[in-house]
Amino acid sequence: LAAGVTADTVIDLVGAIGRSVPAQ
């Protein structure tokens, strides 16, 4: 998806992995 290629003002260090891994 090329998501998160450019950093916003808020950097999410955990991101998609941090949401996906605990859910599974």
PDBML (XML) file of the C-alpha atoms, coordinates in Angstrom:
<?xml version="1.0" encoding="UTF-8" ?>
<PDBx:datablock datablockName="MODEL"
   xmlns:PDBx="http://pdbml.pdb.org/schema/pdbx-v50.xsd"
   xmlns:xsi="http://www.w3.org/2001/XMLSchema-instance"
   xsi:schemaLocation="http://pdbml.pdb.org/schema/pdbx-v50.xsd pdbx-v50.xsd">
   <PDBx:atom_siteCategory>
      <PDBx:atom_site id="1">
         <PDBx:B_iso_or_equiv>0.00</PDBx:B_iso_or_equiv>
         <PDBx:Cartn_x>0.000</PDBx:Cartn_x>
         <PDBx:Cartn_y>0.000</PDBx:Cartn_y>
         <PDBx:Cartn_z>0.000</PDBx:Cartn_z>
         <PDBx:auth_asym_id>A</PDBx:auth_asym_id>
         <PDBx:auth_atom_id>CA</PDBx:auth_atom_id>
         <PDBx:auth_comp_id>LEU</PDBx:auth_comp_id>
         <PDBx:auth_seq_id>1</PDBx:auth_seq_id>
         <PDBx:group_PDB>ATOM</PDBx:group_PDB>
         <PDBx:label_alt_id xsi:nil="true" />
         <PDBx:label_asym_id>A</PDBx:label_asym_id>
         <PDBx:label_atom_id>CA</PDBx:label_atom_id>
         <PDBx:label_comp_id>LEU</PDBx:label_comp_id>
         <PDBx:label_entity_id>1</PDBx:label_entity_id>
         <PDBx:label_seq_id>1</PDBx:label_seq_id>
         <PDBx:occupancy>1.00</PDBx:occupancy>
         <PDBx:pdbx_PDB_model_num>1</PDBx:pdbx_PDB_model_num>
         <PDBx:type_symbol>C</PDBx:type_symbol>
      </PDBx:atom_site>
      <PDBx:atom_site id="2">
         <PDBx:B_iso_or_equiv>0.00</PDBx:B_iso_or_equiv>
         <PDBx:Cartn_x>3.052</PDBx:Cartn_x>
         <PDBx:Cartn_y>2.255</PDBx:Cartn_y>
         <PDBx:Cartn_z>0.397</PDBx:Cartn_z>
         <PDBx:auth_asym_id>A</PDBx:auth_asym_id>
         <PDBx:auth_atom_id>CA</PDBx:auth_atom_id>
         <PDBx:auth_comp_id>ALA</PDBx:auth_comp_id>
         <PDBx:auth_seq_id>2</PDBx:auth_seq_id>
         <PDBx:group_PDB>ATOM</PDBx:group_PDB>
         <PDBx:label_alt_id xsi:nil="true" />
         <PDBx:label_asym_id>A</PDBx:label_asym_id>
         <PDBx:label_atom_id>CA</PDBx:label_atom_id>
         <PDBx:label_comp_id>ALA</PDBx:label_comp_id>
         <PDBx:label_entity_id>1</PDBx:label_entity_id>
         <PDBx:label_seq_id>2</PDBx:label_seq_id>
         <PDBx:occupancy>1.00</PDBx:occupancy>
         <PDBx:pdbx_PDB_model_num>1</PDBx:pdbx_PDB_model_num>
         <PDBx:type_symbol>C</PDBx:type_symbol>
      </PDBx:atom_site>
      <PDBx:atom_site id="3">
         <PDBx:B_iso_or_equiv>0.00</PDBx:B_iso_or_equiv>
         <PDBx:Cartn_x>1.429</PDBx:Cartn_x>
         <PDBx:Cartn_y>3.459</PDBx:Cartn_y>
         <PDBx:Cartn_z>3.588</PDBx:Cartn_z>
         <PDBx:auth_asym_id>A</PDBx:auth_asym_id>
         <PDBx:auth_atom_id>CA</PDBx:auth_atom_id>
         <PDBx:auth_comp_id>ALA</PDBx:auth_comp_id>
         <PDBx:auth_seq_id>3</PDBx:auth_seq_id>
         <PDBx:group_PDB>ATOM</PDBx:group_PDB>
         <PDBx:label_alt_id xsi:nil="true" />
         <PDBx:label_asym_id>A</PDBx:label_asym_id>
         <PDBx:label_atom_id>CA</PDBx:label_atom_id>
         <PDBx:label_comp_id>ALA</PDBx:label_comp_id>
         <PDBx:label_entity_id>1</PDBx:label_entity_id>
         <PDBx:label_seq_id>3</PDBx:label_seq_id>
         <PDBx:occupancy>1.00</PDBx:occupancy>
         <PDBx:pdbx_PDB_model_num>1</PDBx:pdbx_PDB_model_num>
         <PDBx:type_symbol>C</PDBx:type_symbol>
      </PDBx:atom_site>
      <PDBx:atom_site id="4">
         <PDBx:B_iso_or_equiv>0.00</PDBx:B_iso_or_equiv>
         <PDBx:Cartn_x>3.459</PDBx:Cartn_x>
         <PDBx:Cartn_y>5.599</PDBx:Cartn_y>
         <PDBx:Cartn_z>5.911</PDBx:Cartn_z>
         <PDBx:auth_asym_id>A</PDBx:auth_asym_id>
         <PDBx:auth_atom_id>CA</PDBx:auth_atom_id>
         <PDBx:auth_comp_id>GLY</PDBx:auth_comp_id>
         <PDBx:auth_seq_id>4</PDBx:auth_seq_id>
         <PDBx:group_PDB>ATOM</PDBx:group_PDB>
         <PDBx:label_alt_id xsi:nil="true" />
         <PDBx:label_asym_id>A</PDBx:label_asym_id>
         <PDBx:label_atom_id>CA</PDBx:label_atom_id>
         <PDBx:label_comp_id>GLY</PDBx:label_comp_id>
         <PDBx:label_entity_id>1</PDBx:label_entity_id>
         <PDBx:label_seq_id>4</PDBx:label_seq_id>
         <PDBx:occupancy>1.00</PDBx:occupancy>
         <PDBx:pdbx_PDB_model_num>1</PDBx:pdbx_PDB_model_num>
         <PDBx:type_symbol>C</PDBx:type_symbol>
      </PDBx:atom_site>
      <PDBx:atom_site id="5">
         <PDBx:B_iso_or_equiv>0.00</PDBx:B_iso_or_equiv>
         <PDBx:Cartn_x>6.075</PDBx:Cartn_x>
         <PDBx:Cartn_y>6.508</PDBx:Cartn_y>
         <PDBx:Cartn_z>3.316</PDBx:Cartn_z>
         <PDBx:auth_asym_id>A</PDBx:auth_asym_id>
         <PDBx:auth_atom_id>CA</PDBx:auth_atom_id>
         <PDBx:auth_comp_id>VAL</PDBx:auth_comp_id>
         <PDBx:auth_seq_id>5</PDBx:auth_seq_id>
         <PDBx:group_PDB>ATOM</PDBx:group_PDB>
         <PDBx:label_alt_id xsi:nil="true" />
         <PDBx:label_asym_id>A</PDBx:label_asym_id>
         <PDBx:label_atom_id>CA</PDBx:label_atom_id>
         <PDBx:label_comp_id>VAL</PDBx:label_comp_id>
         <PDBx:label_entity_id>1</PDBx:label_entity_id>
         <PDBx:label_seq_id>5</PDBx:label_seq_id>
         <PDBx:occupancy>1.00</PDBx:occupancy>
         <PDBx:pdbx_PDB_model_num>1</PDBx:pdbx_PDB_model_num>
         <PDBx:type_symbol>C</PDBx:type_symbol>
      </PDBx:atom_site>
      <PDBx:atom_site id="6">
         <PDBx:B_iso_or_equiv>0.00</PDBx:B_iso_or_equiv>
         <PDBx:Cartn_x>6.089</PDBx:Cartn_x>
         <PDBx:Cartn_y>10.114</PDBx:Cartn_y>
         <PDBx:Cartn_z>4.380</PDBx:Cartn_z>
         <PDBx:auth_asym_id>A</PDBx:auth_asym_id>
         <PDBx:auth_atom_id>CA</PDBx:auth_atom_id>
         <PDBx:auth_comp_id>THR</PDBx:auth_comp_id>
         <PDBx:auth_seq_id>6</PDBx:auth_seq_id>
         <PDBx:group_PDB>ATOM</PDBx:group_PDB>
         <PDBx:label_alt_id xsi:nil="true" />
         <PDBx:label_asym_id>A</PDBx:label_asym_id>
         <PDBx:label_atom_id>CA</PDBx:label_atom_id>
         <PDBx:label_comp_id>THR</PDBx:label_comp_id>
         <PDBx:label_entity_id>1</PDBx:label_entity_id>
         <PDBx:label_seq_id>6</PDBx:label_seq_id>
         <PDBx:occupancy>1.00</PDBx:occupancy>
         <PDBx:pdbx_PDB_model_num>1</PDBx:pdbx_PDB_model_num>
         <PDBx:type_symbol>C</PDBx:type_symbol>
      </PDBx:atom_site>
      <PDBx:atom_site id="7">
         <PDBx:B_iso_or_equiv>0.00</PDBx:B_iso_or_equiv>
         <PDBx:Cartn_x>6.137</PDBx:Cartn_x>
         <PDBx:Cartn_y>10.870</PDBx:Cartn_y>
         <PDBx:Cartn_z>8.064</PDBx:Cartn_z>
         <PDBx:auth_asym_id>A</PDBx:auth_asym_id>
         <PDBx:auth_atom_id>CA</PDBx:auth_atom_id>
         <PDBx:auth_comp_id>ALA</PDBx:auth_comp_id>
         <PDBx:auth_seq_id>7</PDBx:auth_seq_id>
         <PDBx:group_PDB>ATOM</PDBx:group_PDB>
         <PDBx:label_alt_id xsi:nil="true" />
         <PDBx:label_asym_id>A</PDBx:label_asym_id>
         <PDBx:label_atom_id>CA</PDBx:label_atom_id>
         <PDBx:label_comp_id>ALA</PDBx:label_comp_id>
         <PDBx:label_entity_id>1</PDBx:label_entity_id>
         <PDBx:label_seq_id>7</PDBx:label_seq_id>
         <PDBx:occupancy>1.00</PDBx:occupancy>
         <PDBx:pdbx_PDB_model_num>1</PDBx:pdbx_PDB_model_num>
         <PDBx:type_symbol>C</PDBx:type_symbol>
      </PDBx:atom_site>
      <PDBx:atom_site id="8">
         <PDBx:B_iso_or_equiv>0.00</PDBx:B_iso_or_equiv>
         <PDBx:Cartn_x>3.360</PDBx:Cartn_x>
         <PDBx:Cartn_y>12.977</PDBx:Cartn_y>
         <PDBx:Cartn_z>9.477</PDBx:Cartn_z>
         <PDBx:auth_asym_id>A</PDBx:auth_asym_id>
         <PDBx:auth_atom_id>CA</PDBx:auth_atom_id>
         <PDBx:auth_comp_id>ASP</PDBx:auth_comp_id>
         <PDBx:auth_seq_id>8</PDBx:auth_seq_id>
         <PDBx:group_PDB>ATOM</PDBx:group_PDB>
         <PDBx:label_alt_id xsi:nil="true" />
         <PDBx:label_asym_id>A</PDBx:label_asym_id>
         <PDBx:label_atom_id>CA</PDBx:label_atom_id>
         <PDBx:label_comp_id>ASP</PDBx:label_comp_id>
         <PDBx:label_entity_id>1</PDBx:label_entity_id>
         <PDBx:label_seq_id>8</PDBx:label_seq_id>
         <PDBx:occupancy>1.00</PDBx:occupancy>
         <PDBx:pdbx_PDB_model_num>1</PDBx:pdbx_PDB_model_num>
         <PDBx:type_symbol>C</PDBx:type_symbol>
      </PDBx:atom_site>
      <PDBx:atom_site id="9">
         <PDBx:B_iso_or_equiv>0.00</PDBx:B_iso_or_equiv>
         <PDBx:Cartn_x>3.832</PDBx:Cartn_x>
         <PDBx:Cartn_y>15.254</PDBx:Cartn_y>
         <PDBx:Cartn_z>12.433</PDBx:Cartn_z>
         <PDBx:auth_asym_id>A</PDBx:auth_asym_id>
         <PDBx:auth_atom_id>CA</PDBx:auth_atom_id>
         <PDBx:auth_comp_id>THR</PDBx:auth_comp_id>
         <PDBx:auth_seq_id>9</PDBx:auth_seq_id>
         <PDBx:group_PDB>ATOM</PDBx:group_PDB>
         <PDBx:label_alt_id xsi:nil="true" />
         <PDBx:label_asym_id>A</PDBx:label_asym_id>
         <PDBx:label_atom_id>CA</PDBx:label_atom_id>
         <PDBx:label_comp_id>THR</PDBx:label_comp_id>
         <PDBx:label_entity_id>1</PDBx:label_entity_id>
         <PDBx:label_seq_id>9</PDBx:label_seq_id>
         <PDBx:occupancy>1.00</PDBx:occupancy>
         <PDBx:pdbx_PDB_model_num>1</PDBx:pdbx_PDB_model_num>
         <PDBx:type_symbol>C</PDBx:type_symbol>
      </PDBx:atom_site>
      <PDBx:atom_site id="10">
         <PDBx:B_iso_or_equiv>0.00</PDBx:B_iso_or_equiv>
         <PDBx:Cartn_x>2.988</PDBx:Cartn_x>
         <PDBx:Cartn_y>12.320</PDBx:Cartn_y>
         <PDBx:Cartn_z>14.711</PDBx:Cartn_z>
         <PDBx:auth_asym_id>A</PDBx:auth_asym_id>
         <PDBx:auth_atom_id>CA</PDBx:auth_atom_id>
         <PDBx:auth_comp_id>VAL</PDBx:auth_comp_id>
         <PDBx:auth_seq_id>10</PDBx:auth_seq_id>
         <PDBx:group_PDB>ATOM</PDBx:group_PDB>
         <PDBx:label_alt_id xsi:nil="true" />
         <PDBx:label_asym_id>A</PDBx:label_asym_id>
         <PDBx:label_atom_id>CA</PDBx:label_atom_id>
         <PDBx:label_comp_id>VAL</PDBx:label_comp_id>
         <PDBx:label_entity_id>1</PDBx:label_entity_id>
         <PDBx:label_seq_id>10</PDBx:label_seq_id>
         <PDBx:occupancy>1.00</PDBx:occupancy>
         <PDBx:pdbx_PDB_model_num>1</PDBx:pdbx_PDB_model_num>
         <PDBx:type_symbol>C</PDBx:type_symbol>
      </PDBx:atom_site>
      <PDBx:atom_site id="11">
         <PDBx:B_iso_or_equiv>0.00</PDBx:B_iso_or_equiv>
         <PDBx:Cartn_x>5.213</PDBx:Cartn_x>
         <PDBx:Cartn_y>9.262</PDBx:Cartn_y>
         <PDBx:Cartn_z>14.305</PDBx:Cartn_z>
         <PDBx:auth_asym_id>A</PDBx:auth_asym_id>
         <PDBx:auth_atom_id>CA</PDBx:auth_atom_id>
         <PDBx:auth_comp_id>ILE</PDBx:auth_comp_id>
         <PDBx:auth_seq_id>11</PDBx:auth_seq_id>
         <PDBx:group_PDB>ATOM</PDBx:group_PDB>
         <PDBx:label_alt_id xsi:nil="true" />
         <PDBx:label_asym_id>A</PDBx:label_asym_id>
         <PDBx:label_atom_id>CA</PDBx:label_atom_id>
         <PDBx:label_comp_id>ILE</PDBx:label_comp_id>
         <PDBx:label_entity_id>1</PDBx:label_entity_id>
         <PDBx:label_seq_id>11</PDBx:label_seq_id>
         <PDBx:occupancy>1.00</PDBx:occupancy>
         <PDBx:pdbx_PDB_model_num>1</PDBx:pdbx_PDB_model_num>
         <PDBx:type_symbol>C</PDBx:type_symbol>
      </PDBx:atom_site>
      <PDBx:atom_site id="12">
         <PDBx:B_iso_or_equiv>0.00</PDBx:B_iso_or_equiv>
         <PDBx:Cartn_x>3.575</PDBx:Cartn_x>
         <PDBx:Cartn_y>5.979</PDBx:Cartn_y>
         <PDBx:Cartn_z>15.254</PDBx:Cartn_z>
         <PDBx:auth_asym_id>A</PDBx:auth_asym_id>
         <PDBx:auth_atom_id>CA</PDBx:auth_atom_id>
         <PDBx:auth_comp_id>ASP</PDBx:auth_comp_id>
         <PDBx:auth_seq_id>12</PDBx:auth_seq_id>
         <PDBx:group_PDB>ATOM</PDBx:group_PDB>
         <PDBx:label_alt_id xsi:nil="true" />
         <PDBx:label_asym_id>A</PDBx:label_asym_id>
         <PDBx:label_atom_id>CA</PDBx:label_atom_id>
         <PDBx:label_comp_id>ASP</PDBx:label_comp_id>
         <PDBx:label_entity_id>1</PDBx:label_entity_id>
         <PDBx:label_seq_id>12</PDBx:label_seq_id>
         <PDBx:occupancy>1.00</PDBx:occupancy>
         <PDBx:pdbx_PDB_model_num>1</PDBx:pdbx_PDB_model_num>
         <PDBx:type_symbol>C</PDBx:type_symbol>
      </PDBx:atom_site>
      <PDBx:atom_site id="13">
         <PDBx:B_iso_or_equiv>0.00</PDBx:B_iso_or_equiv>
         <PDBx:Cartn_x>6.462</PDBx:Cartn_x>
         <PDBx:Cartn_y>3.756</PDBx:Cartn_y>
         <PDBx:Cartn_z>16.379</PDBx:Cartn_z>
         <PDBx:auth_asym_id>A</PDBx:auth_asym_id>
         <PDBx:auth_atom_id>CA</PDBx:auth_atom_id>
         <PDBx:auth_comp_id>LEU</PDBx:auth_comp_id>
         <PDBx:auth_seq_id>13</PDBx:auth_seq_id>
         <PDBx:group_PDB>ATOM</PDBx:group_PDB>
         <PDBx:label_alt_id xsi:nil="true" />
         <PDBx:label_asym_id>A</PDBx:label_asym_id>
         <PDBx:label_atom_id>CA</PDBx:label_atom_id>
         <PDBx:label_comp_id>LEU</PDBx:label_comp_id>
         <PDBx:label_entity_id>1</PDBx:label_entity_id>
         <PDBx:label_seq_id>13</PDBx:label_seq_id>
         <PDBx:occupancy>1.00</PDBx:occupancy>
         <PDBx:pdbx_PDB_model_num>1</PDBx:pdbx_PDB_model_num>
         <PDBx:type_symbol>C</PDBx:type_symbol>
      </PDBx:atom_site>
      <PDBx:atom_site id="14">
         <PDBx:B_iso_or_equiv>0.00</PDBx:B_iso_or_equiv>
         <PDBx:Cartn_x>4.363</PDBx:Cartn_x>
         <PDBx:Cartn_y>0.638</PDBx:Cartn_y>
         <PDBx:Cartn_z>16.813</PDBx:Cartn_z>
         <PDBx:auth_asym_id>A</PDBx:auth_asym_id>
         <PDBx:auth_atom_id>CA</PDBx:auth_atom_id>
         <PDBx:auth_comp_id>VAL</PDBx:auth_comp_id>
         <PDBx:auth_seq_id>14</PDBx:auth_seq_id>
         <PDBx:group_PDB>ATOM</PDBx:group_PDB>
         <PDBx:label_alt_id xsi:nil="true" />
         <PDBx:label_asym_id>A</PDBx:label_asym_id>
         <PDBx:label_atom_id>CA</PDBx:label_atom_id>
         <PDBx:label_comp_id>VAL</PDBx:label_comp_id>
         <PDBx:label_entity_id>1</PDBx:label_entity_id>
         <PDBx:label_seq_id>14</PDBx:label_seq_id>
         <PDBx:occupancy>1.00</PDBx:occupancy>
         <PDBx:pdbx_PDB_model_num>1</PDBx:pdbx_PDB_model_num>
         <PDBx:type_symbol>C</PDBx:type_symbol>
      </PDBx:atom_site>
      <PDBx:atom_site id="15">
         <PDBx:B_iso_or_equiv>0.00</PDBx:B_iso_or_equiv>
         <PDBx:Cartn_x>2.157</PDBx:Cartn_x>
         <PDBx:Cartn_y>1.120</PDBx:Cartn_y>
         <PDBx:Cartn_z>13.765</PDBx:Cartn_z>
         <PDBx:auth_asym_id>A</PDBx:auth_asym_id>
         <PDBx:auth_atom_id>CA</PDBx:auth_atom_id>
         <PDBx:auth_comp_id>GLY</PDBx:auth_comp_id>
         <PDBx:auth_seq_id>15</PDBx:auth_seq_id>
         <PDBx:group_PDB>ATOM</PDBx:group_PDB>
         <PDBx:label_alt_id xsi:nil="true" />
         <PDBx:label_asym_id>A</PDBx:label_asym_id>
         <PDBx:label_atom_id>CA</PDBx:label_atom_id>
         <PDBx:label_comp_id>GLY</PDBx:label_comp_id>
         <PDBx:label_entity_id>1</PDBx:label_entity_id>
         <PDBx:label_seq_id>15</PDBx:label_seq_id>
         <PDBx:occupancy>1.00</PDBx:occupancy>
         <PDBx:pdbx_PDB_model_num>1</PDBx:pdbx_PDB_model_num>
         <PDBx:type_symbol>C</PDBx:type_symbol>
      </PDBx:atom_site>
      <PDBx:atom_site id="16">
         <PDBx:B_iso_or_equiv>0.00</PDBx:B_iso_or_equiv>
         <PDBx:Cartn_x>0.411</PDBx:Cartn_x>
         <PDBx:Cartn_y>-1.648</PDBx:Cartn_y>
         <PDBx:Cartn_z>11.867</PDBx:Cartn_z>
         <PDBx:auth_asym_id>A</PDBx:auth_asym_id>
         <PDBx:auth_atom_id>CA</PDBx:auth_atom_id>
         <PDBx:auth_comp_id>ALA</PDBx:auth_comp_id>
         <PDBx:auth_seq_id>16</PDBx:auth_seq_id>
         <PDBx:group_PDB>ATOM</PDBx:group_PDB>
         <PDBx:label_alt_id xsi:nil="true" />
         <PDBx:label_asym_id>A</PDBx:label_asym_id>
         <PDBx:label_atom_id>CA</PDBx:label_atom_id>
         <PDBx:label_comp_id>ALA</PDBx:label_comp_id>
         <PDBx:label_entity_id>1</PDBx:label_entity_id>
         <PDBx:label_seq_id>16</PDBx:label_seq_id>
         <PDBx:occupancy>1.00</PDBx:occupancy>
         <PDBx:pdbx_PDB_model_num>1</PDBx:pdbx_PDB_model_num>
         <PDBx:type_symbol>C</PDBx:type_symbol>
      </PDBx:atom_site>
      <PDBx:atom_site id="17">
         <PDBx:B_iso_or_equiv>0.00</PDBx:B_iso_or_equiv>
         <PDBx:Cartn_x>2.585</PDBx:Cartn_x>
         <PDBx:Cartn_y>-4.377</PDBx:Cartn_y>
         <PDBx:Cartn_z>13.364</PDBx:Cartn_z>
         <PDBx:auth_asym_id>A</PDBx:auth_asym_id>
         <PDBx:auth_atom_id>CA</PDBx:auth_atom_id>
         <PDBx:auth_comp_id>ILE</PDBx:auth_comp_id>
         <PDBx:auth_seq_id>17</PDBx:auth_seq_id>
         <PDBx:group_PDB>ATOM</PDBx:group_PDB>
         <PDBx:label_alt_id xsi:nil="true" />
         <PDBx:label_asym_id>A</PDBx:label_asym_id>
         <PDBx:label_atom_id>CA</PDBx:label_atom_id>
         <PDBx:label_comp_id>ILE</PDBx:label_comp_id>
         <PDBx:label_entity_id>1</PDBx:label_entity_id>
         <PDBx:label_seq_id>17</PDBx:label_seq_id>
         <PDBx:occupancy>1.00</PDBx:occupancy>
         <PDBx:pdbx_PDB_model_num>1</PDBx:pdbx_PDB_model_num>
         <PDBx:type_symbol>C</PDBx:type_symbol>
      </PDBx:atom_site>
      <PDBx:atom_site id="18">
         <PDBx:B_iso_or_equiv>0.00</PDBx:B_iso_or_equiv>
         <PDBx:Cartn_x>1.720</PDBx:Cartn_x>
         <PDBx:Cartn_y>-3.191</PDBx:Cartn_y>
         <PDBx:Cartn_z>16.852</PDBx:Cartn_z>
         <PDBx:auth_asym_id>A</PDBx:auth_asym_id>
         <PDBx:auth_atom_id>CA</PDBx:auth_atom_id>
         <PDBx:auth_comp_id>GLY</PDBx:auth_comp_id>
         <PDBx:auth_seq_id>18</PDBx:auth_seq_id>
         <PDBx:group_PDB>ATOM</PDBx:group_PDB>
         <PDBx:label_alt_id xsi:nil="true" />
         <PDBx:label_asym_id>A</PDBx:label_asym_id>
         <PDBx:label_atom_id>CA</PDBx:label_atom_id>
         <PDBx:label_comp_id>GLY</PDBx:label_comp_id>
         <PDBx:label_entity_id>1</PDBx:label_entity_id>
         <PDBx:label_seq_id>18</PDBx:label_seq_id>
         <PDBx:occupancy>1.00</PDBx:occupancy>
         <PDBx:pdbx_PDB_model_num>1</PDBx:pdbx_PDB_model_num>
         <PDBx:type_symbol>C</PDBx:type_symbol>
      </PDBx:atom_site>
      <PDBx:atom_site id="19">
         <PDBx:B_iso_or_equiv>0.00</PDBx:B_iso_or_equiv>
         <PDBx:Cartn_x>-1.977</PDBx:Cartn_x>
         <PDBx:Cartn_y>-3.492</PDBx:Cartn_y>
         <PDBx:Cartn_z>16.075</PDBx:Cartn_z>
         <PDBx:auth_asym_id>A</PDBx:auth_asym_id>
         <PDBx:auth_atom_id>CA</PDBx:auth_atom_id>
         <PDBx:auth_comp_id>ARG</PDBx:auth_comp_id>
         <PDBx:auth_seq_id>19</PDBx:auth_seq_id>
         <PDBx:group_PDB>ATOM</PDBx:group_PDB>
         <PDBx:label_alt_id xsi:nil="true" />
         <PDBx:label_asym_id>A</PDBx:label_asym_id>
         <PDBx:label_atom_id>CA</PDBx:label_atom_id>
         <PDBx:label_comp_id>ARG</PDBx:label_comp_id>
         <PDBx:label_entity_id>1</PDBx:label_entity_id>
         <PDBx:label_seq_id>19</PDBx:label_seq_id>
         <PDBx:occupancy>1.00</PDBx:occupancy>
         <PDBx:pdbx_PDB_model_num>1</PDBx:pdbx_PDB_model_num>
         <PDBx:type_symbol>C</PDBx:type_symbol>
      </PDBx:atom_site>
      <PDBx:atom_site id="20">
         <PDBx:B_iso_or_equiv>0.00</PDBx:B_iso_or_equiv>
         <PDBx:Cartn_x>-1.834</PDBx:Cartn_x>
         <PDBx:Cartn_y>-6.726</PDBx:Cartn_y>
         <PDBx:Cartn_z>14.078</PDBx:Cartn_z>
         <PDBx:auth_asym_id>A</PDBx:auth_asym_id>
         <PDBx:auth_atom_id>CA</PDBx:auth_atom_id>
         <PDBx:auth_comp_id>SER</PDBx:auth_comp_id>
         <PDBx:auth_seq_id>20</PDBx:auth_seq_id>
         <PDBx:group_PDB>ATOM</PDBx:group_PDB>
         <PDBx:label_alt_id xsi:nil="true" />
         <PDBx:label_asym_id>A</PDBx:label_asym_id>
         <PDBx:label_atom_id>CA</PDBx:label_atom_id>
         <PDBx:label_comp_id>SER</PDBx:label_comp_id>
         <PDBx:label_entity_id>1</PDBx:label_entity_id>
         <PDBx:label_seq_id>20</PDBx:label_seq_id>
         <PDBx:occupancy>1.00</PDBx:occupancy>
         <PDBx:pdbx_PDB_model_num>1</PDBx:pdbx_PDB_model_num>
         <PDBx:type_symbol>C</PDBx:type_symbol>
      </PDBx:atom_site>
      <PDBx:atom_site id="21">
         <PDBx:B_iso_or_equiv>0.00</PDBx:B_iso_or_equiv>
         <PDBx:Cartn_x>0.392</PDBx:Cartn_x>
         <PDBx:Cartn_y>-8.872</PDBx:Cartn_y>
         <PDBx:Cartn_z>16.306</PDBx:Cartn_z>
         <PDBx:auth_asym_id>A</PDBx:auth_asym_id>
         <PDBx:auth_atom_id>CA</PDBx:auth_atom_id>
         <PDBx:auth_comp_id>VAL</PDBx:auth_comp_id>
         <PDBx:auth_seq_id>21</PDBx:auth_seq_id>
         <PDBx:group_PDB>ATOM</PDBx:group_PDB>
         <PDBx:label_alt_id xsi:nil="true" />
         <PDBx:label_asym_id>A</PDBx:label_asym_id>
         <PDBx:label_atom_id>CA</PDBx:label_atom_id>
         <PDBx:label_comp_id>VAL</PDBx:label_comp_id>
         <PDBx:label_entity_id>1</PDBx:label_entity_id>
         <PDBx:label_seq_id>21</PDBx:label_seq_id>
         <PDBx:occupancy>1.00</PDBx:occupancy>
         <PDBx:pdbx_PDB_model_num>1</PDBx:pdbx_PDB_model_num>
         <PDBx:type_symbol>C</PDBx:type_symbol>
      </PDBx:atom_site>
      <PDBx:atom_site id="22">
         <PDBx:B_iso_or_equiv>0.00</PDBx:B_iso_or_equiv>
         <PDBx:Cartn_x>-1.543</PDBx:Cartn_x>
         <PDBx:Cartn_y>-8.463</PDBx:Cartn_y>
         <PDBx:Cartn_z>19.597</PDBx:Cartn_z>
         <PDBx:auth_asym_id>A</PDBx:auth_asym_id>
         <PDBx:auth_atom_id>CA</PDBx:auth_atom_id>
         <PDBx:auth_comp_id>PRO</PDBx:auth_comp_id>
         <PDBx:auth_seq_id>22</PDBx:auth_seq_id>
         <PDBx:group_PDB>ATOM</PDBx:group_PDB>
         <PDBx:label_alt_id xsi:nil="true" />
         <PDBx:label_asym_id>A</PDBx:label_asym_id>
         <PDBx:label_atom_id>CA</PDBx:label_atom_id>
         <PDBx:label_comp_id>PRO</PDBx:label_comp_id>
         <PDBx:label_entity_id>1</PDBx:label_entity_id>
         <PDBx:label_seq_id>22</PDBx:label_seq_id>
         <PDBx:occupancy>1.00</PDBx:occupancy>
         <PDBx:pdbx_PDB_model_num>1</PDBx:pdbx_PDB_model_num>
         <PDBx:type_symbol>C</PDBx:type_symbol>
      </PDBx:atom_site>
      <PDBx:atom_site id="23">
         <PDBx:B_iso_or_equiv>0.00</PDBx:B_iso_or_equiv>
         <PDBx:Cartn_x>-4.800</PDBx:Cartn_x>
         <PDBx:Cartn_y>-9.069</PDBx:Cartn_y>
         <PDBx:Cartn_z>17.731</PDBx:Cartn_z>
         <PDBx:auth_asym_id>A</PDBx:auth_asym_id>
         <PDBx:auth_atom_id>CA</PDBx:auth_atom_id>
         <PDBx:auth_comp_id>ALA</PDBx:auth_comp_id>
         <PDBx:auth_seq_id>23</PDBx:auth_seq_id>
         <PDBx:group_PDB>ATOM</PDBx:group_PDB>
         <PDBx:label_alt_id xsi:nil="true" />
         <PDBx:label_asym_id>A</PDBx:label_asym_id>
         <PDBx:label_atom_id>CA</PDBx:label_atom_id>
         <PDBx:label_comp_id>ALA</PDBx:label_comp_id>
         <PDBx:label_entity_id>1</PDBx:label_entity_id>
         <PDBx:label_seq_id>23</PDBx:label_seq_id>
         <PDBx:occupancy>1.00</PDBx:occupancy>
         <PDBx:pdbx_PDB_model_num>1</PDBx:pdbx_PDB_model_num>
         <PDBx:type_symbol>C</PDBx:type_symbol>
      </PDBx:atom_site>
      <PDBx:atom_site id="24">
         <PDBx:B_iso_or_equiv>0.00</PDBx:B_iso_or_equiv>
         <PDBx:Cartn_x>-3.508</PDBx:Cartn_x>
         <PDBx:Cartn_y>-12.457</PDBx:Cartn_y>
         <PDBx:Cartn_z>16.521</PDBx:Cartn_z>
         <PDBx:auth_asym_id>A</PDBx:auth_asym_id>
         <PDBx:auth_atom_id>CA</PDBx:auth_atom_id>
         <PDBx:auth_comp_id>GLN</PDBx:auth_comp_id>
         <PDBx:auth_seq_id>24</PDBx:auth_seq_id>
         <PDBx:group_PDB>ATOM</PDBx:group_PDB>
         <PDBx:label_alt_id xsi:nil="true" />
         <PDBx:label_asym_id>A</PDBx:label_asym_id>
         <PDBx:label_atom_id>CA</PDBx:label_atom_id>
         <PDBx:label_comp_id>GLN</PDBx:label_comp_id>
         <PDBx:label_entity_id>1</PDBx:label_entity_id>
         <PDBx:label_seq_id>24</PDBx:label_seq_id>
         <PDBx:occupancy>1.00</PDBx:occupancy>
         <PDBx:pdbx_PDB_model_num>1</PDBx:pdbx_PDB_model_num>
         <PDBx:type_symbol>C</PDBx:type_symbol>
      </PDBx:atom_site>
   </PDBx:atom_siteCategory>
</PDBx:datablock>
